[in-house]
N, C-alpha and C. Protein backbone atom coordinates (compact mmCIF):
# COMPACT_ATOMS: atom_id res chain seq x y z
N UNK A 1 15.42 -56.84 24.97
CA UNK A 1 14.85 -56.30 23.80
C UNK A 1 15.68 -55.62 23.03
N UNK A 2 16.51 -54.91 23.24
CA UNK A 2 17.41 -54.15 22.39
C UNK A 2 18.68 -54.96 22.35
N UNK A 3 19.41 -55.12 21.22
CA UNK A 3 21.07 -55.44 21.10
C UNK A 3 21.63 -55.08 22.02
N UNK A 4 22.47 -55.86 22.26
CA UNK A 4 23.63 -55.40 23.28
C UNK A 4 24.94 -54.67 22.45
N UNK A 5 25.26 -53.54 22.51
CA UNK A 5 26.19 -53.06 22.16
C UNK A 5 27.71 -53.35 22.87
N UNK A 6 28.78 -53.87 22.43
CA UNK A 6 30.11 -53.97 23.09
C UNK A 6 30.71 -52.73 23.06
N UNK A 7 31.76 -52.68 23.86
CA UNK A 7 32.62 -51.52 23.91
C UNK A 7 33.30 -51.26 22.77
N UNK A 8 33.84 -52.37 22.21
CA UNK A 8 34.45 -52.02 20.85
C UNK A 8 33.45 -51.60 20.13
N UNK A 9 32.37 -52.24 19.93
CA UNK A 9 31.32 -51.67 19.03
C UNK A 9 31.13 -50.23 19.11
N UNK A 10 31.04 -49.83 20.36
CA UNK A 10 30.84 -48.31 20.70
C UNK A 10 31.95 -47.38 20.25
N UNK A 11 33.15 -47.97 20.42
CA UNK A 11 34.34 -47.29 20.23
C UNK A 11 34.37 -47.03 18.44
N UNK A 12 34.04 -48.20 18.06
CA UNK A 12 33.97 -48.08 16.21
C UNK A 12 32.66 -47.13 15.93
N UNK A 13 31.74 -46.98 16.55
CA UNK A 13 30.70 -46.11 15.90
C UNK A 13 30.84 -44.64 16.33
N UNK A 14 31.66 -44.39 17.43
CA UNK A 14 32.18 -42.93 17.88
C UNK A 14 33.12 -42.56 16.95
N UNK A 15 33.97 -43.22 16.71
CA UNK A 15 35.25 -43.24 15.38
C UNK A 15 34.49 -42.78 14.10
N UNK A 16 33.54 -43.85 13.67
CA UNK A 16 33.06 -43.32 12.39
C UNK A 16 32.12 -42.13 12.84
N UNK A 17 31.45 -41.75 13.55
CA UNK A 17 30.64 -40.58 13.65
C UNK A 17 32.04 -39.31 13.42
N UNK A 18 33.01 -39.61 14.25
CA UNK A 18 34.00 -38.45 14.23
C UNK A 18 34.81 -38.12 12.87
N UNK A 19 34.83 -39.59 12.14
CA UNK A 19 35.67 -39.30 10.63
C UNK A 19 34.56 -38.63 9.98
N UNK A 20 33.08 -39.07 9.99
CA UNK A 20 32.36 -38.28 9.27
C UNK A 20 31.96 -36.82 9.23
N UNK A 21 32.25 -36.38 10.56
CA UNK A 21 32.28 -35.12 11.14
C UNK A 21 33.45 -34.41 10.18
N UNK A 22 34.67 -34.92 10.52
CA UNK A 22 35.89 -34.44 9.66
C UNK A 22 35.36 -34.10 8.23
N UNK A 23 34.79 -35.16 7.58
CA UNK A 23 34.58 -35.10 6.10
C UNK A 23 33.66 -34.38 5.65
N UNK A 24 32.53 -34.18 6.49
CA UNK A 24 31.42 -33.37 6.12
C UNK A 24 31.84 -31.83 6.28
N UNK A 25 32.63 -31.57 6.98
CA UNK A 25 33.27 -30.28 7.37
C UNK A 25 32.04 -29.41 8.19
N UNK A 26 30.87 -29.84 8.37
CA UNK A 26 29.72 -28.97 8.83
C UNK A 26 29.11 -27.88 8.29
N UNK A 27 28.69 -27.12 9.02
CA UNK A 27 27.79 -26.18 8.10
C UNK A 27 27.94 -24.96 9.29
N UNK A 28 27.63 -23.73 8.84
CA UNK A 28 27.13 -22.64 9.61
C UNK A 28 26.17 -21.74 9.22
N UNK A 29 26.02 -20.64 9.94
CA UNK A 29 25.17 -19.67 9.22
C UNK A 29 25.75 -18.51 8.70
N UNK A 30 25.24 -17.66 7.82
CA UNK A 30 25.99 -16.41 7.07
C UNK A 30 25.73 -15.46 8.13
N UNK A 31 26.97 -14.56 8.62
CA UNK A 31 27.08 -13.74 9.69
C UNK A 31 27.57 -12.64 9.07
N UNK A 32 26.55 -11.33 9.14
CA UNK A 32 27.43 -10.27 8.59
C UNK A 32 27.82 -9.41 9.58
N UNK A 33 29.48 -9.42 9.59
CA UNK A 33 30.20 -8.97 10.69
C UNK A 33 30.01 -7.47 10.77
N UNK A 34 29.61 -6.97 9.38
CA UNK A 34 29.60 -5.23 9.50
C UNK A 34 28.68 -4.91 10.26
N UNK A 35 27.11 -5.51 10.26
CA UNK A 35 26.19 -5.05 10.67
C UNK A 35 25.90 -5.71 12.38
N UNK A 36 26.71 -6.98 12.47
CA UNK A 36 26.76 -7.71 13.68
C UNK A 36 25.44 -8.46 13.71
N UNK A 37 24.97 -8.98 12.72
CA UNK A 37 23.89 -10.03 12.86
C UNK A 37 23.81 -11.04 11.84
N UNK A 38 23.09 -11.76 11.89
CA UNK A 38 22.85 -13.15 10.82
C UNK A 38 22.29 -12.32 9.74
N UNK A 39 22.42 -13.19 8.49
CA UNK A 39 21.96 -12.80 7.28
C UNK A 39 20.77 -13.66 7.27
N UNK A 40 19.72 -12.89 6.84
CA UNK A 40 18.30 -13.50 7.15
C UNK A 40 17.58 -13.79 5.70
N UNK A 41 17.01 -14.93 5.36
CA UNK A 41 16.31 -14.71 3.96
C UNK A 41 14.75 -15.21 4.58
N UNK A 42 13.79 -14.52 4.20
CA UNK A 42 12.37 -14.86 4.53
C UNK A 42 12.28 -15.22 6.00
N UNK A 43 12.81 -14.32 6.78
CA UNK A 43 12.97 -14.33 8.36
C UNK A 43 13.85 -15.27 8.88
N UNK A 44 14.61 -16.50 8.11
CA UNK A 44 15.29 -17.54 8.50
C UNK A 44 16.96 -17.10 8.24
N UNK A 45 17.64 -17.60 9.27
CA UNK A 45 18.99 -17.17 9.06
C UNK A 45 19.52 -18.38 7.76
N UNK A 46 20.38 -17.64 6.91
CA UNK A 46 20.70 -18.42 5.81
C UNK A 46 22.11 -19.22 5.96
N UNK A 47 21.82 -20.73 5.56
CA UNK A 47 22.70 -21.71 6.03
C UNK A 47 24.02 -21.53 4.95
N UNK A 48 25.09 -21.49 5.43
CA UNK A 48 26.50 -22.02 4.65
C UNK A 48 27.03 -23.33 4.67
N UNK A 49 27.35 -23.65 3.65
CA UNK A 49 27.71 -24.92 3.61
C UNK A 49 29.02 -24.95 2.77
N UNK A 50 30.09 -26.12 2.68
CA UNK A 50 31.38 -26.15 2.10
C UNK A 50 32.19 -24.93 2.13
N UNK A 51 32.63 -24.30 0.97
CA UNK A 51 33.19 -23.43 1.07
C UNK A 51 32.90 -22.03 1.54
N UNK A 52 31.52 -21.51 1.51
CA UNK A 52 31.19 -20.47 2.44
C UNK A 52 31.29 -20.90 3.99
N UNK A 53 31.14 -22.02 4.45
CA UNK A 53 30.81 -22.29 5.63
C UNK A 53 32.44 -22.17 6.36
N UNK A 54 33.47 -22.61 5.44
CA UNK A 54 34.85 -22.36 6.01
C UNK A 54 35.39 -21.02 6.02
N UNK A 55 34.85 -20.06 4.96
CA UNK A 55 34.97 -19.08 5.15
C UNK A 55 34.41 -18.11 6.15
N UNK A 56 33.21 -18.47 6.75
CA UNK A 56 32.50 -18.01 8.25
C UNK A 56 33.38 -18.47 9.19
N UNK A 57 33.80 -19.35 9.01
CA UNK A 57 34.66 -20.08 10.35
C UNK A 57 35.87 -19.39 10.47
N UNK A 58 36.53 -19.21 9.30
CA UNK A 58 37.79 -18.14 9.22
C UNK A 58 37.77 -16.97 9.63
N UNK A 59 36.79 -16.41 9.21
CA UNK A 59 36.34 -14.99 9.77
C UNK A 59 36.20 -14.75 11.13
N UNK A 60 35.43 -15.92 11.93
CA UNK A 60 34.99 -15.82 13.22
C UNK A 60 36.35 -16.28 14.01
N UNK A 61 37.29 -17.41 13.25
CA UNK A 61 38.54 -17.25 14.15
C UNK A 61 39.32 -16.34 14.33
N UNK A 62 39.54 -15.66 13.16
CA UNK A 62 40.46 -14.34 13.22
C UNK A 62 39.83 -13.18 14.14
N UNK A 63 38.65 -13.11 14.12
CA UNK A 63 37.98 -12.16 14.94
C UNK A 63 37.85 -12.47 16.34
N UNK A 64 38.18 -13.63 16.88
CA UNK A 64 37.96 -14.13 18.13
C UNK A 64 39.72 -14.27 18.87
N UNK A 65 39.70 -13.11 19.59
CA UNK A 65 41.03 -13.30 20.77
C UNK A 65 41.07 -14.74 21.49
N UNK A 66 42.10 -15.50 21.21
CA UNK A 66 42.47 -16.66 22.04
C UNK A 66 42.47 -16.27 23.61
N UNK A 67 41.69 -16.79 24.60
CA UNK A 67 41.89 -16.65 25.83
C UNK A 67 41.46 -15.32 26.31
N UNK A 68 41.11 -14.43 25.87
CA UNK A 68 40.50 -13.26 25.93
C UNK A 68 39.08 -13.35 27.19
N UNK A 69 38.49 -14.06 26.99
CA UNK A 69 37.22 -14.49 27.56
C UNK A 69 37.27 -15.73 28.29
N UNK A 70 36.54 -15.68 29.56
CA UNK A 70 36.32 -16.94 30.46
C UNK A 70 35.91 -17.96 29.73
N UNK A 71 34.78 -17.60 29.11
CA UNK A 71 34.21 -18.93 28.30
C UNK A 71 35.17 -19.64 27.30
N UNK A 72 36.18 -18.99 26.99
CA UNK A 72 37.23 -19.54 25.85
C UNK A 72 38.54 -19.87 26.65
N UNK A 73 38.46 -19.97 28.00
CA UNK A 73 39.56 -20.15 28.79
C UNK A 73 40.25 -21.30 28.30
N UNK A 74 41.31 -21.83 27.95
CA UNK A 74 41.91 -22.97 27.89
C UNK A 74 41.81 -23.36 26.24
N UNK A 75 40.76 -22.61 25.55
CA UNK A 75 40.54 -22.75 24.18
C UNK A 75 41.77 -22.63 22.78
N UNK A 76 41.38 -23.83 22.00
CA UNK A 76 42.65 -23.27 20.97
C UNK A 76 42.07 -22.38 19.84
N UNK A 77 40.86 -22.28 20.02
CA UNK A 77 40.14 -21.12 18.92
C UNK A 77 40.54 -19.96 18.76
N UNK A 78 40.66 -19.34 17.83
CA UNK A 78 41.14 -17.78 18.01
C UNK A 78 42.44 -17.26 17.71
N UNK A 79 42.93 -16.41 17.50
CA UNK A 79 44.07 -15.90 17.53
C UNK A 79 44.73 -15.12 18.58
N UNK A 80 46.14 -15.28 19.03
CA UNK A 80 46.68 -14.43 19.96
C UNK A 80 47.25 -13.23 19.38
N UNK A 81 46.83 -11.95 19.57
CA UNK A 81 47.58 -10.79 19.08
C UNK A 81 47.68 -9.75 20.30
N UNK A 82 46.78 -10.11 21.43
CA UNK A 82 46.90 -8.92 22.30
C UNK A 82 48.38 -8.79 22.74
N UNK A 83 49.31 -9.59 22.76
CA UNK A 83 50.60 -9.50 23.16
C UNK A 83 51.41 -8.54 22.24
N UNK A 84 50.86 -8.20 21.15
CA UNK A 84 51.44 -7.37 19.88
C UNK A 84 50.98 -5.77 19.95
N UNK A 85 50.02 -5.68 21.00
CA UNK A 85 49.42 -4.43 21.04
C UNK A 85 50.30 -3.77 22.07
N UNK A 86 50.67 -2.09 21.75
CA UNK A 86 51.05 -1.53 22.89
C UNK A 86 52.49 -1.63 23.01
N UNK A 87 53.09 -2.57 22.14
CA UNK A 87 54.47 -2.49 22.08
C UNK A 87 55.28 -1.90 20.95
N UNK A 88 56.39 -1.61 21.09
CA UNK A 88 57.08 -0.88 19.87
C UNK A 88 57.90 -1.99 19.24
N UNK A 89 57.48 -2.67 18.51
CA UNK A 89 57.84 -3.98 17.80
C UNK A 89 58.20 -3.49 15.98
N UNK A 90 59.29 -4.01 15.65
CA UNK A 90 59.23 -3.90 14.15
C UNK A 90 58.22 -4.07 13.29
N UNK A 91 58.07 -3.73 12.44
CA UNK A 91 56.84 -3.93 11.33
C UNK A 91 57.10 -5.13 10.81
N UNK A 92 58.40 -5.59 10.31
CA UNK A 92 58.69 -7.07 10.04
C UNK A 92 58.40 -8.26 11.23
N UNK A 93 58.45 -7.78 12.29
CA UNK A 93 58.21 -8.89 13.35
C UNK A 93 56.84 -9.00 13.64
N UNK A 94 56.26 -7.92 13.56
CA UNK A 94 54.68 -8.10 13.92
C UNK A 94 53.93 -8.76 12.73
N UNK A 95 54.39 -8.64 11.51
CA UNK A 95 53.76 -9.46 10.31
C UNK A 95 54.33 -10.82 10.24
N UNK A 96 55.23 -10.97 10.73
CA UNK A 96 55.87 -12.58 10.80
C UNK A 96 55.23 -13.14 11.81
N UNK A 97 54.62 -12.72 12.94
CA UNK A 97 53.99 -13.18 14.23
C UNK A 97 52.47 -13.40 13.81
N UNK A 98 52.18 -12.43 12.79
CA UNK A 98 50.67 -12.56 12.40
C UNK A 98 50.41 -13.69 11.48
N UNK A 99 51.26 -13.57 10.49
CA UNK A 99 51.44 -14.79 9.60
C UNK A 99 51.69 -16.12 10.31
N UNK A 100 52.27 -16.26 11.35
CA UNK A 100 52.35 -17.40 12.09
C UNK A 100 51.00 -17.79 12.83
N UNK A 101 50.69 -16.99 13.29
CA UNK A 101 49.47 -16.94 14.24
C UNK A 101 48.23 -17.49 13.44
N UNK A 102 48.04 -16.69 12.33
CA UNK A 102 46.82 -16.92 11.45
C UNK A 102 47.02 -18.38 10.83
N UNK A 103 48.45 -18.92 10.38
CA UNK A 103 48.41 -20.30 9.92
C UNK A 103 48.23 -21.09 11.01
N UNK A 104 48.56 -20.92 12.28
CA UNK A 104 48.66 -21.84 13.30
C UNK A 104 46.93 -21.99 13.35
N UNK A 105 46.35 -21.21 13.57
CA UNK A 105 45.11 -20.87 13.85
C UNK A 105 44.04 -21.46 12.76
N UNK A 106 44.38 -21.42 11.76
CA UNK A 106 43.38 -21.86 10.44
C UNK A 106 43.63 -23.24 9.84
N UNK A 107 45.01 -23.45 9.97
CA UNK A 107 45.38 -25.00 9.35
C UNK A 107 44.53 -26.19 10.42
N UNK A 108 44.05 -25.86 11.60
CA UNK A 108 43.34 -26.95 12.24
C UNK A 108 42.11 -27.50 11.66
N UNK A 109 41.64 -26.56 10.87
CA UNK A 109 40.33 -26.87 10.10
C UNK A 109 40.38 -27.99 9.04
N UNK A 110 39.64 -28.91 9.02
CA UNK A 110 40.28 -30.12 8.35
C UNK A 110 40.17 -29.77 6.83
N UNK A 111 39.14 -28.77 6.40
CA UNK A 111 39.24 -28.21 5.03
C UNK A 111 40.26 -27.48 4.49
N UNK A 112 41.18 -26.55 5.27
CA UNK A 112 42.16 -25.78 5.15
C UNK A 112 43.50 -26.53 4.63
N UNK A 113 44.00 -26.45 3.52
CA UNK A 113 45.11 -26.93 3.47
C UNK A 113 46.34 -26.07 3.63
N UNK A 114 46.14 -24.94 3.38
CA UNK A 114 47.50 -23.97 3.62
C UNK A 114 46.99 -22.48 3.38
N UNK A 115 47.92 -21.68 4.01
CA UNK A 115 47.47 -20.06 3.77
C UNK A 115 48.90 -19.74 2.81
N UNK A 116 48.58 -18.82 2.04
CA UNK A 116 49.70 -18.18 1.16
C UNK A 116 49.41 -16.70 0.94
N UNK A 117 50.54 -16.10 0.34
CA UNK A 117 50.26 -14.47 -0.32
C UNK A 117 49.62 -13.52 0.48
N UNK A 118 50.36 -13.63 1.81
CA UNK A 118 50.24 -12.48 2.81
C UNK A 118 50.12 -11.30 2.41
N UNK A 119 49.61 -10.33 2.49
CA UNK A 119 49.94 -9.10 2.18
C UNK A 119 49.32 -8.12 3.65
N UNK A 120 49.97 -7.02 3.66
CA UNK A 120 49.65 -5.91 4.96
C UNK A 120 49.40 -4.67 4.27
N UNK A 121 48.52 -3.94 4.78
CA UNK A 121 48.36 -2.39 4.69
C UNK A 121 47.83 -1.82 5.85
N UNK A 122 48.46 -0.90 5.94
CA UNK A 122 47.98 0.03 7.57
C UNK A 122 47.47 1.37 6.71
N UNK A 123 46.43 1.78 7.34
CA UNK A 123 45.68 2.62 7.18
C UNK A 123 45.12 3.44 8.50
N UNK A 124 45.99 4.37 9.00
CA UNK A 124 45.70 4.98 10.31
C UNK A 124 46.26 3.82 11.40
N UNK A 125 45.20 3.69 12.16
CA UNK A 125 45.12 2.70 13.02
C UNK A 125 44.45 0.97 12.61
N UNK A 126 43.97 1.17 11.24
CA UNK A 126 43.50 0.13 10.86
C UNK A 126 44.59 -0.59 10.08
N UNK A 127 44.66 -2.18 10.49
CA UNK A 127 45.55 -3.27 9.59
C UNK A 127 44.54 -4.00 9.04
N UNK A 128 44.85 -4.19 7.67
CA UNK A 128 44.09 -5.08 6.71
C UNK A 128 45.41 -5.74 6.32
N UNK A 129 44.75 -7.18 6.40
CA UNK A 129 45.59 -8.47 6.13
C UNK A 129 44.92 -9.28 5.05
N UNK A 130 45.40 -9.36 3.93
CA UNK A 130 45.09 -10.14 2.92
C UNK A 130 45.75 -11.62 2.98
N UNK A 131 45.24 -12.61 2.35
CA UNK A 131 45.96 -13.76 2.06
C UNK A 131 45.05 -14.76 1.42
N UNK A 132 45.62 -15.81 0.58
CA UNK A 132 44.92 -16.77 -0.06
C UNK A 132 44.66 -17.89 1.05
N UNK A 133 43.48 -18.48 0.84
CA UNK A 133 42.94 -19.52 1.54
C UNK A 133 42.86 -20.78 0.75
N UNK A 134 43.85 -21.73 0.88
CA UNK A 134 43.69 -22.86 -0.05
C UNK A 134 42.88 -23.87 0.69
N UNK A 135 41.68 -24.38 0.03
CA UNK A 135 41.37 -25.19 0.85
C UNK A 135 40.85 -26.50 -0.15
N UNK A 136 40.06 -27.46 0.33
CA UNK A 136 39.98 -28.61 -0.53
C UNK A 136 38.54 -28.36 -1.53
N UNK A 137 38.11 -26.96 -1.37
CA UNK A 137 37.18 -26.30 -2.62
C UNK A 137 38.00 -25.83 -3.37
N UNK A 138 39.20 -25.52 -3.44
CA UNK A 138 39.95 -24.47 -3.95
C UNK A 138 40.34 -23.41 -3.28
N UNK A 139 40.90 -22.21 -3.89
CA UNK A 139 41.59 -21.10 -3.36
C UNK A 139 40.81 -20.20 -3.36
N UNK A 140 41.09 -19.38 -2.18
CA UNK A 140 40.28 -18.09 -2.26
C UNK A 140 40.89 -17.00 -1.42
N UNK A 141 40.75 -15.93 -2.19
CA UNK A 141 41.30 -14.53 -1.46
C UNK A 141 40.46 -14.17 -0.36
N UNK A 142 41.17 -13.98 0.74
CA UNK A 142 40.47 -13.62 2.15
C UNK A 142 41.00 -12.18 2.37
N UNK A 143 40.34 -11.36 3.17
CA UNK A 143 40.99 -9.93 3.72
C UNK A 143 40.15 -10.05 4.88
N UNK A 144 40.82 -9.48 6.00
CA UNK A 144 40.65 -9.33 7.35
C UNK A 144 41.02 -7.87 7.69
N UNK A 145 40.23 -7.05 8.91
CA UNK A 145 40.53 -5.79 9.31
C UNK A 145 40.73 -5.76 10.62
N UNK A 146 41.17 -5.01 11.30
CA UNK A 146 41.52 -5.25 12.60
C UNK A 146 42.40 -3.97 13.11
């Protein structure tokens, strides 16, 4: 009754679905990191698409410490900065490592073309990192704290 699908056709369909996923860049939901909760409108989470979805992904990636939790073991998602804490490294070394780690983490996203214009500002124990996120949607200034 059902048409028979060959292995080659299965591979072609899977490849097409993967390519569509890469060009679609998906969607996410707006999250308020200060409040620690999703942004709601009329009781429903607000969907983010395009540039806004990429920005949400960037924020989540930078806030996620790679390999800190068992659920993410072996994952390439997130940044690895724990090894910079608790050591006396020069400011230049720490900034260079943070730039490298952020670039490596973020440029795996298909919509992100490059990261540029890094700046660092320390306020007590808080470090603000600003940079320009260059995407297929245009350039966007970003700032993260930690």
